[in-house]
N, C-alpha and C. Protein backbone atom coordinates (compact mmCIF):
# COMPACT_ATOMS: atom_id res chain seq x y z
N MET A 1 5.52 -11.72 19.42
CA MET A 1 4.51 -10.97 20.17
C MET A 1 4.95 -9.51 20.23
N ILE A 2 4.07 -8.63 19.78
CA ILE A 2 4.42 -7.21 19.87
C ILE A 2 3.66 -6.49 20.98
N ASP A 3 2.49 -7.07 21.41
CA ASP A 3 1.73 -6.45 22.48
C ASP A 3 0.75 -7.48 23.03
N ASP A 4 0.93 -7.87 24.28
CA ASP A 4 0.01 -8.83 24.88
C ASP A 4 -1.00 -8.17 25.81
N SER A 5 -1.12 -6.84 25.73
CA SER A 5 -2.05 -6.13 26.61
C SER A 5 -3.42 -5.89 25.97
N VAL A 6 -3.58 -6.18 24.69
CA VAL A 6 -4.89 -6.06 24.03
C VAL A 6 -5.58 -7.42 24.18
N PRO A 7 -6.70 -7.48 24.91
CA PRO A 7 -7.31 -8.77 25.23
C PRO A 7 -7.67 -9.64 24.02
N ARG A 8 -8.26 -9.06 22.99
CA ARG A 8 -8.61 -9.86 21.81
C ARG A 8 -8.41 -9.02 20.55
N PRO A 9 -7.15 -8.84 20.12
CA PRO A 9 -6.91 -8.08 18.90
C PRO A 9 -7.51 -8.82 17.71
N ASN A 10 -8.05 -8.06 16.76
CA ASN A 10 -8.68 -8.72 15.62
C ASN A 10 -8.36 -7.98 14.34
N GLY A 11 -9.11 -6.92 14.03
CA GLY A 11 -8.85 -6.17 12.81
C GLY A 11 -7.49 -5.52 12.86
N ILE A 12 -6.85 -5.47 11.69
CA ILE A 12 -5.51 -4.90 11.61
C ILE A 12 -5.31 -4.31 10.22
N THR A 13 -4.72 -3.14 10.16
CA THR A 13 -4.36 -2.55 8.87
C THR A 13 -3.26 -1.54 9.08
N LEU A 14 -2.59 -1.20 8.00
CA LEU A 14 -1.55 -0.18 8.00
C LEU A 14 -2.07 1.10 7.37
N SER A 15 -1.58 2.23 7.85
CA SER A 15 -1.90 3.51 7.21
C SER A 15 -1.38 3.48 5.77
N ASN A 16 -1.90 4.36 4.95
CA ASN A 16 -1.51 4.39 3.54
C ASN A 16 -0.02 4.61 3.33
N ASP A 17 0.64 5.30 4.26
CA ASP A 17 2.09 5.50 4.13
C ASP A 17 2.90 4.40 4.82
N GLY A 18 2.21 3.44 5.44
CA GLY A 18 2.89 2.32 6.09
C GLY A 18 3.53 2.65 7.42
N ARG A 19 3.28 3.83 7.95
CA ARG A 19 3.96 4.25 9.18
C ARG A 19 3.16 4.02 10.46
N THR A 20 1.85 3.72 10.31
CA THR A 20 1.01 3.51 11.48
C THR A 20 0.27 2.18 11.34
N LEU A 21 0.29 1.39 12.40
CA LEU A 21 -0.45 0.13 12.46
C LEU A 21 -1.69 0.38 13.32
N TYR A 22 -2.85 0.02 12.78
CA TYR A 22 -4.12 0.13 13.51
C TYR A 22 -4.58 -1.27 13.90
N VAL A 23 -5.02 -1.42 15.15
CA VAL A 23 -5.48 -2.70 15.67
C VAL A 23 -6.73 -2.44 16.51
N ASP A 24 -7.79 -3.24 16.26
CA ASP A 24 -8.97 -3.10 17.12
C ASP A 24 -9.04 -4.25 18.11
N ASN A 25 -9.85 -4.06 19.13
CA ASN A 25 -10.03 -5.03 20.20
C ASN A 25 -11.48 -5.53 20.13
N THR A 26 -11.68 -6.76 19.74
CA THR A 26 -13.02 -7.30 19.54
C THR A 26 -13.89 -7.20 20.79
N ILE A 27 -13.32 -7.43 21.95
CA ILE A 27 -14.16 -7.42 23.16
C ILE A 27 -14.26 -6.04 23.80
N GLY A 28 -13.54 -5.08 23.29
CA GLY A 28 -13.61 -3.73 23.85
C GLY A 28 -14.18 -2.76 22.83
N THR A 29 -13.91 -1.50 23.02
CA THR A 29 -14.38 -0.47 22.11
C THR A 29 -13.26 0.44 21.63
N THR A 30 -12.02 0.07 21.93
CA THR A 30 -10.88 0.92 21.60
C THR A 30 -10.16 0.42 20.35
N VAL A 31 -9.80 1.36 19.49
CA VAL A 31 -8.92 1.09 18.35
C VAL A 31 -7.58 1.70 18.71
N TYR A 32 -6.52 0.91 18.59
CA TYR A 32 -5.19 1.35 18.95
C TYR A 32 -4.37 1.69 17.71
N ALA A 33 -3.41 2.57 17.89
CA ALA A 33 -2.46 2.90 16.83
C ALA A 33 -1.06 2.73 17.39
N TYR A 34 -0.15 2.28 16.53
CA TYR A 34 1.26 2.10 16.88
C TYR A 34 2.08 2.73 15.77
N ASP A 35 3.23 3.28 16.12
CA ASP A 35 4.17 3.77 15.11
C ASP A 35 5.03 2.61 14.63
N VAL A 36 5.06 2.39 13.32
CA VAL A 36 5.86 1.31 12.74
C VAL A 36 7.27 1.84 12.48
N GLN A 37 8.25 1.12 12.97
CA GLN A 37 9.65 1.50 12.82
C GLN A 37 10.22 0.92 11.52
N PRO A 38 11.32 1.46 11.04
CA PRO A 38 11.92 0.96 9.79
C PRO A 38 12.22 -0.54 9.81
N ASP A 39 12.50 -1.11 10.98
CA ASP A 39 12.80 -2.54 11.05
C ASP A 39 11.55 -3.40 11.24
N GLY A 40 10.36 -2.77 11.22
CA GLY A 40 9.11 -3.51 11.35
C GLY A 40 8.58 -3.63 12.77
N THR A 41 9.35 -3.21 13.74
CA THR A 41 8.85 -3.21 15.12
C THR A 41 7.90 -2.03 15.28
N VAL A 42 7.16 -2.03 16.39
CA VAL A 42 6.24 -0.91 16.66
C VAL A 42 6.52 -0.32 18.03
N LYS A 43 6.16 0.93 18.20
CA LYS A 43 6.27 1.60 19.50
C LYS A 43 5.19 2.67 19.57
N ASN A 44 5.09 3.32 20.71
CA ASN A 44 4.16 4.42 20.93
C ASN A 44 2.70 3.99 20.75
N LYS A 45 2.32 2.92 21.45
CA LYS A 45 0.92 2.49 21.43
C LYS A 45 0.07 3.60 22.03
N ARG A 46 -1.06 3.87 21.37
CA ARG A 46 -1.96 4.90 21.85
C ARG A 46 -3.39 4.57 21.44
N ASN A 47 -4.34 5.15 22.16
CA ASN A 47 -5.73 5.03 21.78
C ASN A 47 -5.95 5.92 20.56
N PHE A 48 -6.41 5.32 19.48
CA PHE A 48 -6.67 6.08 18.25
C PHE A 48 -8.13 6.53 18.19
N ALA A 49 -9.05 5.62 18.51
CA ALA A 49 -10.49 5.95 18.41
C ALA A 49 -11.27 5.05 19.35
N GLU A 50 -12.49 5.48 19.65
CA GLU A 50 -13.43 4.69 20.44
C GLU A 50 -14.67 4.44 19.60
N LEU A 51 -15.13 3.18 19.61
CA LEU A 51 -16.35 2.83 18.89
C LEU A 51 -17.54 3.56 19.49
N HIS A 52 -18.49 3.90 18.66
CA HIS A 52 -19.70 4.61 19.08
C HIS A 52 -20.90 3.68 19.02
N ASP A 53 -21.96 4.09 19.68
CA ASP A 53 -23.25 3.39 19.66
C ASP A 53 -23.16 1.95 20.17
N ILE A 54 -22.28 1.73 21.13
CA ILE A 54 -22.17 0.44 21.80
C ILE A 54 -22.67 0.66 23.24
N LYS A 55 -23.64 -0.13 23.65
CA LYS A 55 -24.21 0.03 25.00
C LYS A 55 -23.17 -0.31 26.06
N ALA A 56 -23.26 0.35 27.19
CA ALA A 56 -22.33 0.11 28.30
C ALA A 56 -22.33 -1.37 28.65
N GLY A 57 -21.15 -1.95 28.78
CA GLY A 57 -21.00 -3.35 29.14
C GLY A 57 -21.11 -4.30 27.96
N GLU A 58 -21.45 -3.79 26.80
CA GLU A 58 -21.57 -4.61 25.60
C GLU A 58 -20.25 -4.63 24.84
N GLU A 59 -19.92 -5.77 24.25
CA GLU A 59 -18.70 -5.84 23.44
C GLU A 59 -18.93 -5.11 22.13
N GLY A 60 -17.89 -4.45 21.63
CA GLY A 60 -18.01 -3.68 20.39
C GLY A 60 -17.92 -4.52 19.13
N PHE A 61 -17.31 -5.71 19.24
CA PHE A 61 -17.10 -6.60 18.11
C PHE A 61 -16.37 -5.92 16.96
N GLY A 62 -15.36 -5.09 17.29
CA GLY A 62 -14.51 -4.52 16.26
C GLY A 62 -13.87 -5.65 15.48
N ASP A 63 -13.87 -5.53 14.18
CA ASP A 63 -13.40 -6.64 13.36
C ASP A 63 -12.60 -6.09 12.19
N GLY A 64 -13.03 -6.29 10.96
CA GLY A 64 -12.26 -5.91 9.79
C GLY A 64 -12.17 -4.41 9.59
N MET A 65 -11.13 -3.98 8.88
CA MET A 65 -10.90 -2.56 8.62
C MET A 65 -10.41 -2.34 7.21
N ALA A 66 -10.67 -1.12 6.73
CA ALA A 66 -10.11 -0.67 5.45
C ALA A 66 -9.87 0.83 5.56
N LEU A 67 -8.96 1.32 4.76
CA LEU A 67 -8.69 2.75 4.68
C LEU A 67 -9.06 3.24 3.29
N ASP A 68 -9.55 4.48 3.23
CA ASP A 68 -9.75 5.08 1.92
C ASP A 68 -8.52 5.91 1.55
N ARG A 69 -8.55 6.48 0.38
CA ARG A 69 -7.40 7.23 -0.14
C ARG A 69 -7.02 8.41 0.75
N ASP A 70 -8.01 8.97 1.48
CA ASP A 70 -7.75 10.12 2.34
C ASP A 70 -7.39 9.73 3.77
N GLY A 71 -7.20 8.43 4.01
CA GLY A 71 -6.78 7.98 5.33
C GLY A 71 -7.90 7.77 6.32
N ARG A 72 -9.16 7.84 5.87
CA ARG A 72 -10.27 7.55 6.76
C ARG A 72 -10.33 6.04 7.00
N LEU A 73 -10.58 5.68 8.26
CA LEU A 73 -10.62 4.28 8.66
C LEU A 73 -12.07 3.81 8.73
N TYR A 74 -12.37 2.72 8.04
CA TYR A 74 -13.69 2.09 8.04
C TYR A 74 -13.54 0.81 8.85
N LEU A 75 -14.29 0.71 9.95
CA LEU A 75 -14.12 -0.40 10.87
C LEU A 75 -15.46 -1.06 11.13
N THR A 76 -15.53 -2.38 10.93
CA THR A 76 -16.77 -3.09 11.20
C THR A 76 -16.94 -3.28 12.70
N SER A 77 -18.20 -3.15 13.16
CA SER A 77 -18.50 -3.27 14.58
C SER A 77 -19.92 -3.76 14.75
N LEU A 78 -20.32 -3.97 15.98
CA LEU A 78 -21.68 -4.38 16.30
C LEU A 78 -22.70 -3.36 15.77
N ALA A 79 -22.33 -2.08 15.76
CA ALA A 79 -23.24 -1.01 15.35
C ALA A 79 -23.27 -0.79 13.83
N GLY A 80 -22.34 -1.36 13.09
CA GLY A 80 -22.24 -1.13 11.65
C GLY A 80 -20.80 -0.82 11.28
N ILE A 81 -20.62 -0.15 10.17
CA ILE A 81 -19.27 0.23 9.73
C ILE A 81 -19.01 1.64 10.21
N GLN A 82 -18.15 1.75 11.19
CA GLN A 82 -17.85 3.06 11.78
C GLN A 82 -16.69 3.69 11.03
N ILE A 83 -16.80 4.99 10.80
CA ILE A 83 -15.79 5.70 10.02
C ILE A 83 -15.13 6.76 10.90
N PHE A 84 -13.79 6.79 10.83
CA PHE A 84 -13.00 7.75 11.60
C PHE A 84 -12.03 8.45 10.66
N ASP A 85 -11.80 9.74 10.91
CA ASP A 85 -10.80 10.44 10.08
C ASP A 85 -9.41 10.06 10.55
N LYS A 86 -8.41 10.60 9.89
CA LYS A 86 -7.03 10.19 10.19
C LYS A 86 -6.54 10.62 11.57
N THR A 87 -7.31 11.47 12.26
CA THR A 87 -6.96 11.84 13.63
C THR A 87 -7.72 11.01 14.67
N GLY A 88 -8.62 10.13 14.20
CA GLY A 88 -9.42 9.31 15.11
C GLY A 88 -10.78 9.89 15.43
N LYS A 89 -11.14 11.01 14.81
CA LYS A 89 -12.44 11.62 15.05
C LYS A 89 -13.53 10.79 14.36
N TYR A 90 -14.58 10.49 15.13
CA TYR A 90 -15.71 9.72 14.62
C TYR A 90 -16.48 10.55 13.60
N LEU A 91 -16.73 9.97 12.43
CA LEU A 91 -17.44 10.68 11.36
C LEU A 91 -18.86 10.16 11.15
N GLY A 92 -19.12 8.92 11.52
CA GLY A 92 -20.45 8.36 11.34
C GLY A 92 -20.40 6.86 11.19
N THR A 93 -21.59 6.26 11.01
CA THR A 93 -21.72 4.81 10.89
C THR A 93 -22.57 4.47 9.68
N ILE A 94 -22.10 3.53 8.88
CA ILE A 94 -22.89 2.97 7.79
C ILE A 94 -23.60 1.76 8.36
N LYS A 95 -24.93 1.80 8.34
CA LYS A 95 -25.72 0.68 8.86
C LYS A 95 -25.91 -0.35 7.76
N VAL A 96 -25.82 -1.61 8.12
CA VAL A 96 -26.10 -2.71 7.20
C VAL A 96 -27.08 -3.66 7.90
N PRO A 97 -27.85 -4.46 7.13
CA PRO A 97 -28.88 -5.31 7.73
C PRO A 97 -28.36 -6.35 8.72
N ARG A 98 -27.13 -6.81 8.55
CA ARG A 98 -26.55 -7.80 9.46
C ARG A 98 -25.21 -7.29 9.95
N GLN A 99 -24.77 -7.81 11.09
CA GLN A 99 -23.51 -7.35 11.68
C GLN A 99 -22.36 -7.59 10.71
N PRO A 100 -21.64 -6.52 10.32
CA PRO A 100 -20.53 -6.68 9.37
C PRO A 100 -19.30 -7.27 10.03
N SER A 101 -18.49 -7.95 9.20
CA SER A 101 -17.27 -8.55 9.74
C SER A 101 -16.01 -8.10 9.01
N ASN A 102 -16.15 -7.62 7.76
CA ASN A 102 -14.96 -7.12 7.07
C ASN A 102 -15.38 -6.18 5.95
N VAL A 103 -14.45 -5.35 5.51
CA VAL A 103 -14.70 -4.37 4.45
C VAL A 103 -13.46 -4.24 3.57
N ALA A 104 -13.70 -3.90 2.30
CA ALA A 104 -12.58 -3.66 1.38
C ALA A 104 -13.07 -2.79 0.23
N PHE A 105 -12.23 -1.86 -0.19
CA PHE A 105 -12.49 -1.07 -1.39
C PHE A 105 -12.00 -1.85 -2.59
N ALA A 106 -12.79 -1.83 -3.67
CA ALA A 106 -12.38 -2.54 -4.88
C ALA A 106 -13.12 -1.94 -6.08
N GLY A 107 -12.95 -2.58 -7.23
CA GLY A 107 -13.56 -2.11 -8.47
C GLY A 107 -12.55 -1.31 -9.26
N PRO A 108 -12.86 -1.04 -10.53
CA PRO A 108 -11.91 -0.35 -11.41
C PRO A 108 -11.49 1.03 -10.88
N ASP A 109 -12.43 1.72 -10.20
CA ASP A 109 -12.10 3.05 -9.66
C ASP A 109 -11.95 3.05 -8.15
N LYS A 110 -11.97 1.86 -7.54
CA LYS A 110 -11.83 1.70 -6.08
C LYS A 110 -12.89 2.47 -5.30
N LYS A 111 -14.09 2.62 -5.86
CA LYS A 111 -15.18 3.33 -5.18
C LYS A 111 -16.32 2.40 -4.78
N THR A 112 -16.06 1.11 -4.77
CA THR A 112 -17.05 0.15 -4.29
C THR A 112 -16.54 -0.42 -2.98
N LEU A 113 -17.36 -0.30 -1.93
CA LEU A 113 -17.02 -0.86 -0.63
C LEU A 113 -17.73 -2.21 -0.52
N PHE A 114 -16.95 -3.28 -0.46
CA PHE A 114 -17.51 -4.61 -0.27
C PHE A 114 -17.54 -4.90 1.22
N ILE A 115 -18.64 -5.48 1.67
CA ILE A 115 -18.87 -5.70 3.09
C ILE A 115 -19.28 -7.15 3.30
N THR A 116 -18.52 -7.88 4.09
CA THR A 116 -18.97 -9.21 4.51
C THR A 116 -19.69 -9.05 5.83
N ALA A 117 -20.73 -9.86 6.01
CA ALA A 117 -21.53 -9.78 7.23
C ALA A 117 -22.00 -11.18 7.60
N ARG A 118 -22.55 -11.29 8.78
CA ARG A 118 -23.12 -12.57 9.19
C ARG A 118 -24.20 -12.93 8.17
N GLN A 119 -24.00 -13.98 7.44
CA GLN A 119 -24.94 -14.49 6.44
C GLN A 119 -25.27 -13.48 5.35
N GLY A 120 -24.29 -12.74 4.90
CA GLY A 120 -24.54 -11.81 3.81
C GLY A 120 -23.28 -11.18 3.26
N LEU A 121 -23.39 -10.74 2.04
CA LEU A 121 -22.32 -10.00 1.36
C LEU A 121 -22.98 -8.80 0.71
N TYR A 122 -22.42 -7.62 0.91
CA TYR A 122 -23.01 -6.38 0.41
C TYR A 122 -21.96 -5.61 -0.37
N ARG A 123 -22.45 -4.73 -1.23
CA ARG A 123 -21.55 -3.78 -1.89
C ARG A 123 -22.26 -2.43 -1.86
N LEU A 124 -21.45 -1.42 -1.71
CA LEU A 124 -21.97 -0.07 -1.57
C LEU A 124 -21.12 0.86 -2.41
N ARG A 125 -21.76 1.59 -3.30
CA ARG A 125 -21.06 2.57 -4.12
C ARG A 125 -20.74 3.77 -3.24
N MET A 126 -19.49 4.22 -3.27
CA MET A 126 -19.02 5.27 -2.37
C MET A 126 -18.58 6.51 -3.13
N LEU A 127 -18.59 7.65 -2.47
CA LEU A 127 -17.97 8.86 -3.01
C LEU A 127 -16.47 8.80 -2.75
N SER A 128 -16.10 8.22 -1.60
CA SER A 128 -14.68 8.07 -1.28
C SER A 128 -14.09 6.94 -2.10
N GLN A 129 -12.76 6.89 -2.11
CA GLN A 129 -12.06 5.95 -2.96
C GLN A 129 -10.96 5.26 -2.17
N GLY A 130 -10.81 3.98 -2.41
CA GLY A 130 -9.75 3.21 -1.76
C GLY A 130 -8.40 3.57 -2.35
N PRO A 131 -7.34 3.32 -1.62
CA PRO A 131 -5.98 3.61 -2.12
C PRO A 131 -5.60 2.65 -3.25
N ASP A 132 -4.79 3.15 -4.19
CA ASP A 132 -4.31 2.29 -5.28
C ASP A 132 -3.31 1.28 -4.77
N ARG A 133 -2.42 1.76 -3.91
CA ARG A 133 -1.39 0.90 -3.33
C ARG A 133 -0.80 1.67 -2.15
N LEU A 134 0.06 1.00 -1.41
CA LEU A 134 0.69 1.62 -0.25
C LEU A 134 1.33 2.94 -0.63
N GLY A 135 0.97 3.97 0.11
CA GLY A 135 1.57 5.28 -0.12
C GLY A 135 0.81 6.16 -1.07
N LYS A 136 -0.28 5.68 -1.67
CA LYS A 136 -1.06 6.51 -2.63
C LYS A 136 -2.48 6.64 -2.18
């Protein structure tokens, strides 16, 4: 157990350099960041971002996440796929017909965003590009 204070952690990913762990809270609207230590432990938990377009008292349903090559975080939520820059600033939401549950960059040039959703699978051609591997 690294943190028992997040009521329902769900989505999880590492920054492209492997130094930051991102975790969302399915029943809340906060995305947390932790500093990853050389031994794999984490410290310095902080609020990284807040989900947008979630009505007061409604769960955000933060779920799957992916990072692009520039460190932007794509996070599935009740409102769609919310995008945040590497500082946690909200950049916008990609709307999909059904509530998304996970995302991943793939394809030969890593410019296709695959989206799983309730009763659906989508793909979206992107200008941004997924990372080739950790650190790139």
